[in-house]
Amino acid sequence: MIYDLELKAIVLAKYDGQSVIDYLTDRFTYKSREKWLELISLGKIRVNGEIVESSFSLKENSVLTFLVNNYYEADLDCNYHLVFENENIIVVSKPANLPVSSNHRFFRQNMTALIRRDFNLPDINPIHRLDRETSGLIIYLKKRFDKPRYLRKDSRLIMKDKYYLAIVRGEVDENSFTINVPLKESNVPPIGYKTIVAENNDGKPASTDFLKLATANGYSLLLAKLNSGRKHQIRAHCAYAGFPIVGDKLYSFDGKYYLKLYSNEEFSEDDYRELGARHQLLHSYAMNLELPDEGKKFIVSEYFSQEFERYLCLFANSNFCCTENLKEYIKNIIFLGEKI
């Protein structure tokens, strides 16, 4: 996808009086001062719609725009599915490998930008996040709830339980288990972004319940319930247990594929064969919601990627037949109160 991209920034009070070139250099370090000077001279930078000189003094709340001609975005799968909508929320099932927000690369092809355009809601935002490669349910807040009062303070309280499906390497022995170990960011090169187990009590509490749904051919299908909401929690806990999620570039193979991705290197078919999938096989599958008007509502997303479906078919001889009975099987587990 190639298009003309216009980026905007609203000048905060602390930058009042700063020159355009100093503002750009201080705030947007991905370009050099010389490159910003060149773009200003070409008229690519405007303040309140006007072309300005590099020494122009900015004022608080000025709108600075940056025009990028022929901006390129690699084509992504943008075929999301609407799962539920009322006057307050929109629930969609996000495809794998689609970012939730722009992440400074995909300005048009991200879940939030699509929802804003398709529903004509330019200010709508999600109330929780999914990793780019994680597929499944995500909730967007259209407007604040009128009642009860506490929902106006924290709309996430409508989400009582969140359940994920994970396809992992290895055949898990236990039928159910809980991983209750604190997590923290590594902050250690070369992958400081990685979440790791905190061994010195310097992390945040993190708990995930797991239920084994099936095993076959060296893989397991797990249902995971989040008891806390830490970054990469399920991925980190699965790796800690010795069962990394298939296709996870960060938490398997010592992160070598994450480093390759970060370096913008192309992946070979051999790379994907070793990973087991082109994206991590983690799916935000089900939620128990408690809505002010509708009451309790159980929603699921069975909009799996082709690769996820391919692995699900490995477990066809289990308690369910591929995806046909999966919804009812998991629904019964949740409602019967089995340990998960």
C-alpha atoms as a PDB file:
ATOM      1  CA  MET A   1       0.000   0.000   0.000  1.00  0.00           C
ATOM      2  CA  ILE A   2       1.385   3.396  -1.070  1.00  0.00           C
ATOM      3  CA  TYR A   3      -0.268   6.667  -0.088  1.00  0.00           C
ATOM      4  CA  ASP A   4       0.438  10.242   1.014  1.00  0.00           C
ATOM      5  CA  LEU A   5       0.651  10.267   4.792  1.00  0.00           C
ATOM      6  CA  GLU A   6       0.055  13.323   6.964  1.00  0.00           C
ATOM      7  CA  LEU A   7       1.250  13.081  10.541  1.00  0.00           C
ATOM      8  CA  LYS A   8       0.133  15.556  13.197  1.00  0.00           C
ATOM      9  CA  ALA A   9       1.487  16.666  16.554  1.00  0.00           C
ATOM     10  CA  ILE A  10      -0.057  19.151  18.992  1.00  0.00           C
ATOM     11  CA  VAL A  11       2.521  21.331  20.713  1.00  0.00           C
ATOM     12  CA  LEU A  12       2.470  20.937  24.507  1.00  0.00           C
ATOM     13  CA  ALA A  13       2.993  23.797  26.939  1.00  0.00           C
ATOM     14  CA  LYS A  14       6.586  22.788  27.718  1.00  0.00           C
ATOM     15  CA  TYR A  15       7.549  23.378  24.083  1.00  0.00           C
ATOM     16  CA  ASP A  16       5.978  26.847  23.915  1.00  0.00           C
ATOM     17  CA  GLY A  17       8.491  29.262  22.375  1.00  0.00           C
ATOM     18  CA  GLN A  18      10.743  26.537  20.967  1.00  0.00           C
ATOM     19  CA  SER A  19      11.785  26.802  17.324  1.00  0.00           C
ATOM     20  CA  VAL A  20      10.396  24.343  14.793  1.00  0.00           C
ATOM     21  CA  ILE A  21      13.789  22.758  14.153  1.00  0.00           C
ATOM     22  CA  ASP A  22      14.590  22.355  17.858  1.00  0.00           C
ATOM     23  CA  TYR A  23      11.147  20.860  18.482  1.00  0.00           C
ATOM     24  CA  LEU A  24      11.491  18.320  15.672  1.00  0.00           C
ATOM     25  CA  THR A  25      15.034  17.383  16.646  1.00  0.00           C
ATOM     26  CA  ASP A  26      14.157  16.940  20.327  1.00  0.00           C
ATOM     27  CA  ARG A  27      10.873  15.051  19.870  1.00  0.00           C
ATOM     28  CA  PHE A  28      11.412  12.950  16.762  1.00  0.00           C
ATOM     29  CA  THR A  29      14.890  11.535  16.972  1.00  0.00           C
ATOM     30  CA  TYR A  30      14.432   8.990  14.177  1.00  0.00           C
ATOM     31  CA  LYS A  31      15.637  11.696  11.741  1.00  0.00           C
ATOM     32  CA  SER A  32      18.773  13.816  12.023  1.00  0.00           C
ATOM     33  CA  ARG A  33      18.683  17.580  12.473  1.00  0.00           C
ATOM     34  CA  GLU A  34      20.037  17.962   8.940  1.00  0.00           C
ATOM     35  CA  LYS A  35      17.212  15.815   7.526  1.00  0.00           C
ATOM     36  CA  TRP A  36      14.566  17.860   9.388  1.00  0.00           C
ATOM     37  CA  LEU A  37      16.118  21.085   8.036  1.00  0.00           C
ATOM     38  CA  GLU A  38      15.893  19.648   4.523  1.00  0.00           C
ATOM     39  CA  LEU A  39      12.223  18.721   4.965  1.00  0.00           C
ATOM     40  CA  ILE A  40      11.392  22.168   6.359  1.00  0.00           C
ATOM     41  CA  SER A  41      13.059  23.811   3.340  1.00  0.00           C
ATOM     42  CA  LEU A  42      10.988  21.593   1.014  1.00  0.00           C
ATOM     43  CA  GLY A  43       7.752  22.743   2.649  1.00  0.00           C
ATOM     44  CA  LYS A  44       6.972  19.300   4.108  1.00  0.00           C
ATOM     45  CA  ILE A  45       6.537  20.734   7.619  1.00  0.00           C
ATOM     46  CA  ARG A  46       3.624  23.067   8.368  1.00  0.00           C
ATOM     47  CA  VAL A  47       2.354  24.827  11.463  1.00  0.00           C
ATOM     48  CA  ASN A  48      -1.412  25.406  11.583  1.00  0.00           C
ATOM     49  CA  GLY A  49      -1.477  24.705   7.875  1.00  0.00           C
ATOM     50  CA  GLU A  50       1.212  27.245   6.948  1.00  0.00           C
ATOM     51  CA  ILE A  51       4.722  26.645   5.594  1.00  0.00           C
ATOM     52  CA  VAL A  52       7.239  28.100   8.048  1.00  0.00           C
ATOM     53  CA  GLU A  53      10.967  28.687   8.442  1.00  0.00           C
ATOM     54  CA  SER A  54      13.090  26.494  10.690  1.00  0.00           C
ATOM     55  CA  SER A  55      13.426  29.320  13.222  1.00  0.00           C
ATOM     56  CA  PHE A  56       9.676  29.844  13.537  1.00  0.00           C
ATOM     57  CA  SER A  57       8.640  30.016  17.205  1.00  0.00           C
ATOM     58  CA  LEU A  58       5.962  27.538  18.240  1.00  0.00           C
ATOM     59  CA  LYS A  59       3.078  28.251  20.585  1.00  0.00           C
ATOM     60  CA  GLU A  60       1.205  25.910  22.886  1.00  0.00           C
ATOM     61  CA  ASN A  61      -1.579  23.967  21.073  1.00  0.00           C
ATOM     62  CA  SER A  62      -0.157  24.744  17.642  1.00  0.00           C
ATOM     63  CA  VAL A  63      -0.745  21.886  15.202  1.00  0.00           C
ATOM     64  CA  LEU A  64       2.383  20.755  13.429  1.00  0.00           C
ATOM     65  CA  THR A  65       1.929  18.550  10.357  1.00  0.00           C
ATOM     66  CA  PHE A  66       4.468  16.481   8.494  1.00  0.00           C
ATOM     67  CA  LEU A  67       3.653  15.330   4.949  1.00  0.00           C
ATOM     68  CA  VAL A  68       5.198  12.078   3.726  1.00  0.00           C
ATOM     69  CA  ASN A  69       4.627  11.512   0.014  1.00  0.00           C
ATOM     70  CA  ASN A  70       4.369   7.960  -1.332  1.00  0.00           C
ATOM     71  CA  TYR A  71       4.528   6.378   2.110  1.00  0.00           C
ATOM     72  CA  TYR A  72       4.792   2.576   1.880  1.00  0.00           C
ATOM     73  CA  GLU A  73       3.064   0.050   4.150  1.00  0.00           C
ATOM     74  CA  ALA A  74       3.426  -3.659   3.508  1.00  0.00           C
ATOM     75  CA  ASP A  75      -0.001  -5.157   2.849  1.00  0.00           C
ATOM     76  CA  LEU A  76      -1.540  -6.833   5.909  1.00  0.00           C
ATOM     77  CA  ASP A  77      -4.627  -8.964   6.523  1.00  0.00           C
ATOM     78  CA  CYS A  78      -7.257  -6.409   7.579  1.00  0.00           C
ATOM     79  CA  ASN A  79     -10.252  -8.772   7.474  1.00  0.00           C
ATOM     80  CA  TYR A  80     -11.519  -8.431  11.028  1.00  0.00           C
ATOM     81  CA  HIS A  81     -14.946  -9.657  12.194  1.00  0.00           C
ATOM     82  CA  LEU A  82     -17.572  -7.790  14.189  1.00  0.00           C
ATOM     83  CA  VAL A  83     -18.586 -10.022  17.124  1.00  0.00           C
ATOM     84  CA  PHE A  84     -20.775  -7.754  19.263  1.00  0.00           C
ATOM     85  CA  GLU A  85     -21.913  -4.139  19.364  1.00  0.00           C
ATOM     86  CA  ASN A  86     -24.159  -2.025  21.560  1.00  0.00           C
ATOM     87  CA  GLU A  87     -24.328   1.679  22.354  1.00  0.00           C
ATOM     88  CA  ASN A  88     -21.242   1.497  24.572  1.00  0.00           C
ATOM     89  CA  ILE A  89     -18.812  -1.019  23.075  1.00  0.00           C
ATOM     90  CA  ILE A  90     -17.689  -2.726  19.904  1.00  0.00           C
ATOM     91  CA  VAL A  91     -16.132  -6.199  20.135  1.00  0.00           C
ATOM     92  CA  VAL A  92     -14.197  -7.445  17.125  1.00  0.00           C
ATOM     93  CA  SER A  93     -12.020 -10.420  16.319  1.00  0.00           C
ATOM     94  CA  LYS A  94      -8.629  -9.197  15.125  1.00  0.00           C
ATOM     95  CA  PRO A  95      -6.713 -11.196  12.524  1.00  0.00           C
ATOM     96  CA  ALA A  96      -3.204 -12.349  13.324  1.00  0.00           C
ATOM     97  CA  ASN A  97      -0.300 -10.080  12.385  1.00  0.00           C
ATOM     98  CA  LEU A  98      -2.397  -6.892  12.445  1.00  0.00           C
ATOM     99  CA  PRO A  99      -1.183  -4.313  15.000  1.00  0.00           C
ATOM    100  CA  VAL A 100      -3.735  -2.771  17.353  1.00  0.00           C
ATOM    101  CA  SER A 101      -2.298   0.742  16.870  1.00  0.00           C
ATOM    102  CA  SER A 102       0.035   2.474  14.450  1.00  0.00           C
ATOM    103  CA  ASN A 103       3.355   1.503  16.153  1.00  0.00           C
ATOM    104  CA  HIS A 104       4.968   4.222  13.968  1.00  0.00           C
ATOM    105  CA  ARG A 105       4.841   1.944  10.908  1.00  0.00           C
ATOM    106  CA  PHE A 106       1.294   0.964  10.020  1.00  0.00           C
ATOM    107  CA  PHE A 107      -0.778   4.132  10.119  1.00  0.00           C
ATOM    108  CA  ARG A 108      -3.718   2.928   8.008  1.00  0.00           C
ATOM    109  CA  GLN A 109      -3.462  -0.817   8.488  1.00  0.00           C
ATOM    110  CA  ASN A 110      -4.014  -1.246  12.198  1.00  0.00           C
ATOM    111  CA  MET A 111      -7.082  -2.378  14.111  1.00  0.00           C
ATOM    112  CA  THR A 112      -7.836   0.981  15.710  1.00  0.00           C
ATOM    113  CA  ALA A 113      -7.521   2.943  12.461  1.00  0.00           C
ATOM    114  CA  LEU A 114      -9.862   0.464  10.726  1.00  0.00           C
ATOM    115  CA  ILE A 115     -12.499   0.736  13.480  1.00  0.00           C
ATOM    116  CA  ARG A 116     -12.308   4.526  13.465  1.00  0.00           C
ATOM    117  CA  ARG A 117     -12.870   4.669   9.696  1.00  0.00           C
ATOM    118  CA  ASP A 118     -15.427   1.881   9.349  1.00  0.00           C
ATOM    119  CA  PHE A 119     -17.631   3.036  12.232  1.00  0.00           C
ATOM    120  CA  ASN A 120     -17.006   6.766  11.727  1.00  0.00           C
ATOM    121  CA  LEU A 121     -15.746   7.071  15.305  1.00  0.00           C
ATOM    122  CA  PRO A 122     -12.485   9.058  15.042  1.00  0.00           C
ATOM    123  CA  ASP A 123     -11.770   9.044  18.783  1.00  0.00           C
ATOM    124  CA  ILE A 124     -12.579   5.430  19.664  1.00  0.00           C
ATOM    125  CA  ASN A 125      -9.923   3.405  21.504  1.00  0.00           C
ATOM    126  CA  PRO A 126      -9.522  -0.155  22.829  1.00  0.00           C
ATOM    127  CA  ILE A 127      -9.842  -0.810  26.547  1.00  0.00           C
ATOM    128  CA  HIS A 128      -7.144  -3.491  26.456  1.00  0.00           C
ATOM    129  CA  ARG A 129      -4.378  -4.625  24.115  1.00  0.00           C
ATOM    130  CA  LEU A 130      -3.299  -7.618  22.068  1.00  0.00           C
ATOM    131  CA  ASP A 131       0.152  -8.268  20.658  1.00  0.00           C
ATOM    132  CA  ARG A 132       0.387  -7.776  16.905  1.00  0.00           C
ATOM    133  CA  GLU A 133       0.631 -11.510  16.165  1.00  0.00           C
ATOM    134  CA  THR A 134      -2.093 -12.501  18.653  1.00  0.00           C
ATOM    135  CA  SER A 135      -5.510 -12.926  17.052  1.00  0.00           C
ATOM    136  CA  GLY A 136      -8.979 -12.781  18.543  1.00  0.00           C
ATOM    137  CA  LEU A 137     -11.269 -10.670  20.701  1.00  0.00           C
ATOM    138  CA  ILE A 138     -10.616  -7.033  21.508  1.00  0.00           C
ATOM    139  CA  ILE A 139     -13.045  -4.487  22.979  1.00  0.00           C
ATOM    140  CA  TYR A 140     -13.416  -0.854  21.887  1.00  0.00           C
ATOM    141  CA  LEU A 141     -15.190   1.715  24.047  1.00  0.00           C
ATOM    142  CA  LYS A 142     -17.625   3.877  22.050  1.00  0.00           C
ATOM    143  CA  LYS A 143     -18.731   6.020  24.978  1.00  0.00           C
ATOM    144  CA  ARG A 144     -18.718   5.999  28.737  1.00  0.00           C
ATOM    145  CA  PHE A 145     -21.331   3.865  30.445  1.00  0.00           C
ATOM    146  CA  ASP A 146     -24.249   5.766  31.936  1.00  0.00           C
ATOM    147  CA  LYS A 147     -24.696   3.264  34.747  1.00  0.00           C
ATOM    148  CA  PRO A 148     -23.715   1.958  37.153  1.00  0.00           C
ATOM    149  CA  ARG A 149     -21.451   4.702  38.431  1.00  0.00           C
ATOM    150  CA  TYR A 150     -18.318   2.566  38.933  1.00  0.00           C
ATOM    151  CA  LEU A 151     -18.155   1.707  35.238  1.00  0.00           C
ATOM    152  CA  ARG A 152     -17.518   5.346  34.429  1.00  0.00           C
ATOM    153  CA  LYS A 153     -14.313   5.119  36.438  1.00  0.00           C
ATOM    154  CA  ASP A 154     -13.006   1.843  35.044  1.00  0.00           C
ATOM    155  CA  SER A 155     -14.757   0.400  32.017  1.00  0.00           C
ATOM    156  CA  ARG A 156     -12.471  -2.647  32.106  1.00  0.00           C
ATOM    157  CA  LEU A 157     -14.591  -3.923  34.956  1.00  0.00           C
ATOM    158  CA  ILE A 158     -17.044  -5.215  32.350  1.00  0.00           C
ATOM    159  CA  MET A 159     -14.474  -7.927  31.509  1.00  0.00           C
ATOM    160  CA  LYS A 160     -14.890 -10.525  34.225  1.00  0.00           C
ATOM    161  CA  ASP A 161     -12.785 -13.272  32.659  1.00  0.00           C
ATOM    162  CA  LYS A 162     -10.543 -13.567  29.602  1.00  0.00           C
ATOM    163  CA  TYR A 163      -9.623 -16.891  28.030  1.00  0.00           C
ATOM    164  CA  TYR A 164      -7.001 -17.616  25.398  1.00  0.00           C
ATOM    165  CA  LEU A 165      -6.223 -20.637  23.264  1.00  0.00           C
ATOM    166  CA  ALA A 166      -2.526 -21.420  22.897  1.00  0.00           C
ATOM    167  CA  ILE A 167      -0.899 -24.105  20.775  1.00  0.00           C
ATOM    168  CA  VAL A 168       2.432 -24.969  22.363  1.00  0.00           C
ATOM    169  CA  ARG A 169       5.403 -27.206  21.694  1.00  0.00           C
ATOM    170  CA  GLY A 170       5.502 -30.369  23.762  1.00  0.00           C
ATOM    171  CA  GLU A 171       2.854 -32.696  25.171  1.00  0.00           C
ATOM    172  CA  VAL A 172       1.734 -31.391  28.539  1.00  0.00           C
ATOM    173  CA  ASP A 173       1.191 -34.096  31.178  1.00  0.00           C
ATOM    174  CA  GLU A 174      -0.960 -32.264  33.741  1.00  0.00           C
ATOM    175  CA  ASN A 175      -4.634 -31.759  33.010  1.00  0.00           C
ATOM    176  CA  SER A 176      -4.623 -28.382  34.751  1.00  0.00           C
ATOM    177  CA  PHE A 177      -1.984 -26.232  36.392  1.00  0.00           C
ATOM    178  CA  THR A 178      -1.364 -22.664  37.513  1.00  0.00           C
ATOM    179  CA  ILE A 179       1.784 -20.642  36.946  1.00  0.00           C
ATOM    180  CA  ASN A 180       2.093 -18.035  39.653  1.00  0.00           C
ATOM    181  CA  VAL A 181       5.469 -16.349  39.242  1.00  0.00           C
ATOM    182  CA  PRO A 182       6.200 -12.594  39.089  1.00  0.00           C
ATOM    183  CA  LEU A 183       7.300 -11.018  35.827  1.00  0.00           C
ATOM    184  CA  LYS A 184       9.391  -8.025  34.837  1.00  0.00           C
ATOM    185  CA  GLU A 185      10.969  -6.544  31.735  1.00  0.00           C
ATOM    186  CA  SER A 186      14.448  -7.843  31.045  1.00  0.00           C
ATOM    187  CA  ASN A 187      16.013  -4.455  30.166  1.00  0.00           C
ATOM    188  CA  VAL A 188      19.107  -6.409  29.198  1.00  0.00           C
ATOM    189  CA  PRO A 189      20.508  -6.231  25.640  1.00  0.00           C
ATOM    190  CA  PRO A 190      20.047  -7.480  23.056  1.00  0.00           C
ATOM    191  CA  ILE A 191      16.353  -8.042  23.921  1.00  0.00           C
ATOM    192  CA  GLY A 192      15.486  -5.648  26.715  1.00  0.00           C
ATOM    193  CA  TYR A 193      11.859  -5.699  25.580  1.00  0.00           C
ATOM    194  CA  LYS A 194      11.427  -9.301  26.722  1.00  0.00           C
ATOM    195  CA  THR A 195       9.364 -10.191  29.809  1.00  0.00           C
ATOM    196  CA  ILE A 196      11.175 -12.560  32.164  1.00  0.00           C
ATOM    197  CA  VAL A 197      10.551 -14.255  35.495  1.00  0.00           C
ATOM    198  CA  ALA A 198      11.592 -12.021  38.399  1.00  0.00           C
ATOM    199  CA  GLU A 199      13.735 -14.169  40.660  1.00  0.00           C
ATOM    200  CA  ASN A 200      14.581 -11.496  43.251  1.00  0.00           C
ATOM    201  CA  ASN A 201      11.050 -10.391  44.133  1.00  0.00           C
ATOM    202  CA  ASP A 202      11.506  -7.266  42.028  1.00  0.00           C
ATOM    203  CA  GLY A 203       8.747  -8.036  39.543  1.00  0.00           C
ATOM    204  CA  LYS A 204       4.972  -7.701  39.440  1.00  0.00           C
ATOM    205  CA  PRO A 205       2.674 -10.565  40.519  1.00  0.00           C
ATOM    206  CA  ALA A 206       1.440 -12.613  37.586  1.00  0.00           C
ATOM    207  CA  SER A 207      -0.859 -15.650  37.613  1.00  0.00           C
ATOM    208  CA  THR A 208      -2.200 -17.752  34.741  1.00  0.00           C
ATOM    209  CA  ASP A 209      -4.442 -20.820  34.970  1.00  0.00           C
ATOM    210  CA  PHE A 210      -4.009 -23.450  32.259  1.00  0.00           C
ATOM    211  CA  LEU A 211      -6.223 -26.336  31.208  1.00  0.00           C
ATOM    212  CA  LYS A 212      -4.969 -28.967  28.781  1.00  0.00           C
ATOM    213  CA  LEU A 213      -7.574 -29.512  26.077  1.00  0.00           C
ATOM    214  CA  ALA A 214      -5.646 -31.961  23.908  1.00  0.00           C
ATOM    215  CA  THR A 215      -2.215 -33.287  22.926  1.00  0.00           C
ATOM    216  CA  ALA A 216      -1.042 -34.792  19.643  1.00  0.00           C
ATOM    217  CA  ASN A 217       2.145 -35.224  17.625  1.00  0.00           C
ATOM    218  CA  GLY A 218       4.343 -33.322  20.051  1.00  0.00           C
ATOM    219  CA  TYR A 219       1.977 -30.361  20.537  1.00  0.00           C
ATOM    220  CA  SER A 220      -0.609 -29.346  23.125  1.00  0.00           C
ATOM    221  CA  LEU A 221      -3.717 -27.199  22.944  1.00  0.00           C
ATOM    222  CA  LEU A 222      -4.130 -25.153  26.128  1.00  0.00           C
ATOM    223  CA  LEU A 223      -6.910 -22.954  27.441  1.00  0.00           C
ATOM    224  CA  ALA A 224      -5.399 -20.114  29.467  1.00  0.00           C
ATOM    225  CA  LYS A 225      -7.209 -17.819  31.874  1.00  0.00           C
ATOM    226  CA  LEU A 226      -5.563 -14.580  32.895  1.00  0.00           C
ATOM    227  CA  ASN A 227      -5.697 -13.782  36.607  1.00  0.00           C
ATOM    228  CA  SER A 228      -3.540 -10.688  36.080  1.00  0.00           C
ATOM    229  CA  GLY A 229      -2.644  -8.572  33.089  1.00  0.00           C
ATOM    230  CA  ARG A 230       1.107  -8.345  32.580  1.00  0.00           C
ATOM    231  CA  LYS A 231       2.810  -7.723  29.266  1.00  0.00           C
ATOM    232  CA  HIS A 232       3.309 -10.977  27.313  1.00  0.00           C
ATOM    233  CA  GLN A 233       2.069 -12.871  30.382  1.00  0.00           C
ATOM    234  CA  ILE A 234       0.819 -16.043  28.670  1.00  0.00           C
ATOM    235  CA  ARG A 235       3.779 -16.166  26.304  1.00  0.00           C
ATOM    236  CA  ALA A 236       6.291 -15.709  29.129  1.00  0.00           C
ATOM    237  CA  HIS A 237       4.569 -18.226  31.427  1.00  0.00           C
ATOM    238  CA  CYS A 238       4.340 -20.856  28.666  1.00  0.00           C
ATOM    239  CA  ALA A 239       8.042 -20.456  27.906  1.00  0.00           C
ATOM    240  CA  TYR A 240       8.868 -20.616  31.641  1.00  0.00           C
ATOM    241  CA  ALA A 241       6.953 -23.921  31.881  1.00  0.00           C
ATOM    242  CA  GLY A 242       8.972 -25.339  28.999  1.00  0.00           C
ATOM    243  CA  PHE A 243       6.139 -25.188  26.481  1.00  0.00           C
ATOM    244  CA  PRO A 244       6.733 -22.151  24.233  1.00  0.00           C
ATOM    245  CA  ILE A 245       3.918 -21.082  21.937  1.00  0.00           C
ATOM    246  CA  VAL A 246       4.321 -22.277  18.353  1.00  0.00           C
ATOM    247  CA  GLY A 247       5.508 -19.456  16.107  1.00  0.00           C
ATOM    248  CA  ASP A 248       6.592 -17.183  18.978  1.00  0.00           C
ATOM    249  CA  LYS A 249       9.660 -15.352  17.695  1.00  0.00           C
ATOM    250  CA  LEU A 250      10.568 -13.794  21.046  1.00  0.00           C
ATOM    251  CA  TYR A 251      10.036 -16.598  23.579  1.00  0.00           C
ATOM    252  CA  SER A 252      11.370 -19.561  21.623  1.00  0.00           C
ATOM    253  CA  PHE A 253      14.766 -20.392  20.107  1.00  0.00           C
ATOM    254  CA  ASP A 254      16.426 -17.866  22.463  1.00  0.00           C
ATOM    255  CA  GLY A 255      14.798 -14.986  20.624  1.00  0.00           C
ATOM    256  CA  LYS A 256      16.929 -15.357  17.506  1.00  0.00           C
ATOM    257  CA  TYR A 257      13.941 -14.858  15.234  1.00  0.00           C
ATOM    258  CA  TYR A 258      12.860 -11.736  17.110  1.00  0.00           C
ATOM    259  CA  LEU A 259      16.332 -10.288  16.508  1.00  0.00           C
ATOM    260  CA  LYS A 260      16.045 -11.215  12.852  1.00  0.00           C
ATOM    261  CA  LEU A 261      12.646  -9.543  12.649  1.00  0.00           C
ATOM    262  CA  TYR A 262      13.922  -6.460  14.486  1.00  0.00           C
ATOM    263  CA  SER A 263      16.775  -6.199  11.969  1.00  0.00           C
ATOM    264  CA  ASN A 264      14.248  -6.293   9.089  1.00  0.00           C
ATOM    265  CA  GLU A 265      15.827  -9.446   7.704  1.00  0.00           C
ATOM    266  CA  GLU A 266      13.684 -11.604   5.453  1.00  0.00           C
ATOM    267  CA  PHE A 267      12.553 -14.963   6.816  1.00  0.00           C
ATOM    268  CA  SER A 268      13.196 -18.074   4.760  1.00  0.00           C
ATOM    269  CA  GLU A 269      10.832 -21.013   4.477  1.00  0.00           C
ATOM    270  CA  ASP A 270      13.308 -22.957   6.627  1.00  0.00           C
ATOM    271  CA  ASP A 271      12.921 -20.301   9.317  1.00  0.00           C
ATOM    272  CA  TYR A 272       9.141 -20.656   9.281  1.00  0.00           C
ATOM    273  CA  ARG A 273       9.411 -24.438   9.369  1.00  0.00           C
ATOM    274  CA  GLU A 274      11.532 -24.253  12.501  1.00  0.00           C
ATOM    275  CA  LEU A 275       9.172 -21.727  14.100  1.00  0.00           C
ATOM    276  CA  GLY A 276       6.208 -23.911  13.159  1.00  0.00           C
ATOM    277  CA  ALA A 277       4.042 -21.014  11.955  1.00  0.00           C
ATOM    278  CA  ARG A 278       4.328 -17.567  10.429  1.00  0.00           C
ATOM    279  CA  HIS A 279       2.744 -15.989  13.502  1.00  0.00           C
ATOM    280  CA  GLN A 280       2.447 -17.020  17.149  1.00  0.00           C
ATOM    281  CA  LEU A 281      -0.497 -19.366  17.718  1.00  0.00           C
ATOM    282  CA  LEU A 282      -2.170 -17.462  20.541  1.00  0.00           C
ATOM    283  CA  HIS A 283      -5.841 -16.517  20.186  1.00  0.00           C
ATOM    284  CA  SER A 284      -8.009 -14.343  22.434  1.00  0.00           C
ATOM    285  CA  TYR A 285     -10.878 -16.815  22.395  1.00  0.00           C
ATOM    286  CA  ALA A 286     -13.559 -16.015  24.983  1.00  0.00           C
ATOM    287  CA  MET A 287     -14.718 -13.399  27.463  1.00  0.00           C
ATOM    288  CA  ASN A 288     -17.247 -13.259  30.244  1.00  0.00           C
ATOM    289  CA  LEU A 289     -18.704  -9.757  30.146  1.00  0.00           C
ATOM    290  CA  GLU A 290     -21.047  -8.065  32.582  1.00  0.00           C
ATOM    291  CA  LEU A 291     -22.848  -5.250  30.785  1.00  0.00           C
ATOM    292  CA  PRO A 292     -25.089  -2.658  32.488  1.00  0.00           C
ATOM    293  CA  ASP A 293     -28.100  -3.287  30.217  1.00  0.00           C
ATOM    294  CA  GLU A 294     -27.598  -6.789  28.816  1.00  0.00           C
ATOM    295  CA  GLY A 295     -26.266  -8.368  31.997  1.00  0.00           C
ATOM    296  CA  LYS A 296     -23.859 -11.293  31.741  1.00  0.00           C
ATOM    297  CA  LYS A 297     -22.713 -12.180  28.248  1.00  0.00           C
ATOM    298  CA  PHE A 298     -20.358 -14.934  27.073  1.00  0.00           C
ATOM    299  CA  ILE A 299     -18.716 -14.202  23.725  1.00  0.00           C
ATOM    300  CA  VAL A 300     -16.260 -16.228  21.683  1.00  0.00           C
ATOM    301  CA  SER A 301     -14.229 -15.813  18.514  1.00  0.00           C
ATOM    302  CA  GLU A 302     -13.769 -18.820  16.281  1.00  0.00           C
ATOM    303  CA  TYR A 303     -12.260 -16.740  13.506  1.00  0.00           C
ATOM    304  CA  PHE A 304      -8.949 -18.564  13.473  1.00  0.00           C
ATOM    305  CA  SER A 305      -6.153 -18.075  10.979  1.00  0.00           C
ATOM    306  CA  GLN A 306      -5.468 -20.843   8.477  1.00  0.00           C
ATOM    307  CA  GLU A 307      -2.360 -21.841  10.401  1.00  0.00           C
ATOM    308  CA  PHE A 308      -4.279 -22.020  13.685  1.00  0.00           C
ATOM    309  CA  GLU A 309      -6.964 -24.146  12.007  1.00  0.00           C
ATOM    310  CA  ARG A 310      -4.292 -26.437  10.608  1.00  0.00           C
ATOM    311  CA  TYR A 311      -2.956 -27.165  14.088  1.00  0.00           C
ATOM    312  CA  LEU A 312      -6.447 -27.543  15.573  1.00  0.00           C
ATOM    313  CA  CYS A 313      -7.049 -30.378  13.139  1.00  0.00           C
ATOM    314  CA  LEU A 314      -4.186 -32.284  14.779  1.00  0.00           C
ATOM    315  CA  PHE A 315      -6.445 -32.698  17.805  1.00  0.00           C
ATOM    316  CA  ALA A 316      -9.485 -34.028  15.929  1.00  0.00           C
ATOM    317  CA  ASN A 317      -9.568 -37.260  17.929  1.00  0.00           C
ATOM    318  CA  SER A 318      -9.820 -35.448  21.262  1.00  0.00           C
ATOM    319  CA  ASN A 319     -12.960 -34.436  23.181  1.00  0.00           C
ATOM    320  CA  PHE A 320     -14.038 -32.246  20.302  1.00  0.00           C
ATOM    321  CA  CYS A 321     -13.885 -32.711  16.543  1.00  0.00           C
ATOM    322  CA  CYS A 322     -11.735 -29.922  15.148  1.00  0.00           C
ATOM    323  CA  THR A 323     -13.523 -26.619  15.839  1.00  0.00           C
ATOM    324  CA  GLU A 324     -17.052 -28.024  15.492  1.00  0.00           C
ATOM    325  CA  ASN A 325     -17.556 -28.779  19.196  1.00  0.00           C
ATOM    326  CA  LEU A 326     -14.813 -26.602  20.630  1.00  0.00           C
ATOM    327  CA  LYS A 327     -17.106 -23.717  21.580  1.00  0.00           C
ATOM    328  CA  GLU A 328     -19.563 -25.875  23.542  1.00  0.00           C
ATOM    329  CA  TYR A 329     -16.760 -27.906  25.117  1.00  0.00           C
ATOM    330  CA  ILE A 330     -14.982 -24.831  26.474  1.00  0.00           C
ATOM    331  CA  LYS A 331     -18.247 -23.121  27.411  1.00  0.00           C
ATOM    332  CA  ASN A 332     -19.197 -26.129  29.549  1.00  0.00           C
ATOM    333  CA  ILE A 333     -15.788 -26.117  31.223  1.00  0.00           C
ATOM    334  CA  ILE A 334     -16.135 -22.447  32.126  1.00  0.00           C
ATOM    335  CA  PHE A 335     -19.740 -22.601  33.293  1.00  0.00           C
ATOM    336  CA  LEU A 336     -19.332 -25.858  35.206  1.00  0.00           C
ATOM    337  CA  GLY A 337     -16.591 -24.196  37.211  1.00  0.00           C
ATOM    338  CA  GLU A 338     -13.803 -26.648  36.449  1.00  0.00           C
ATOM    339  CA  LYS A 339     -10.383 -25.486  37.558  1.00  0.00           C
ATOM    340  CA  ILE A 340      -9.225 -22.895  35.073  1.00  0.00           C
END
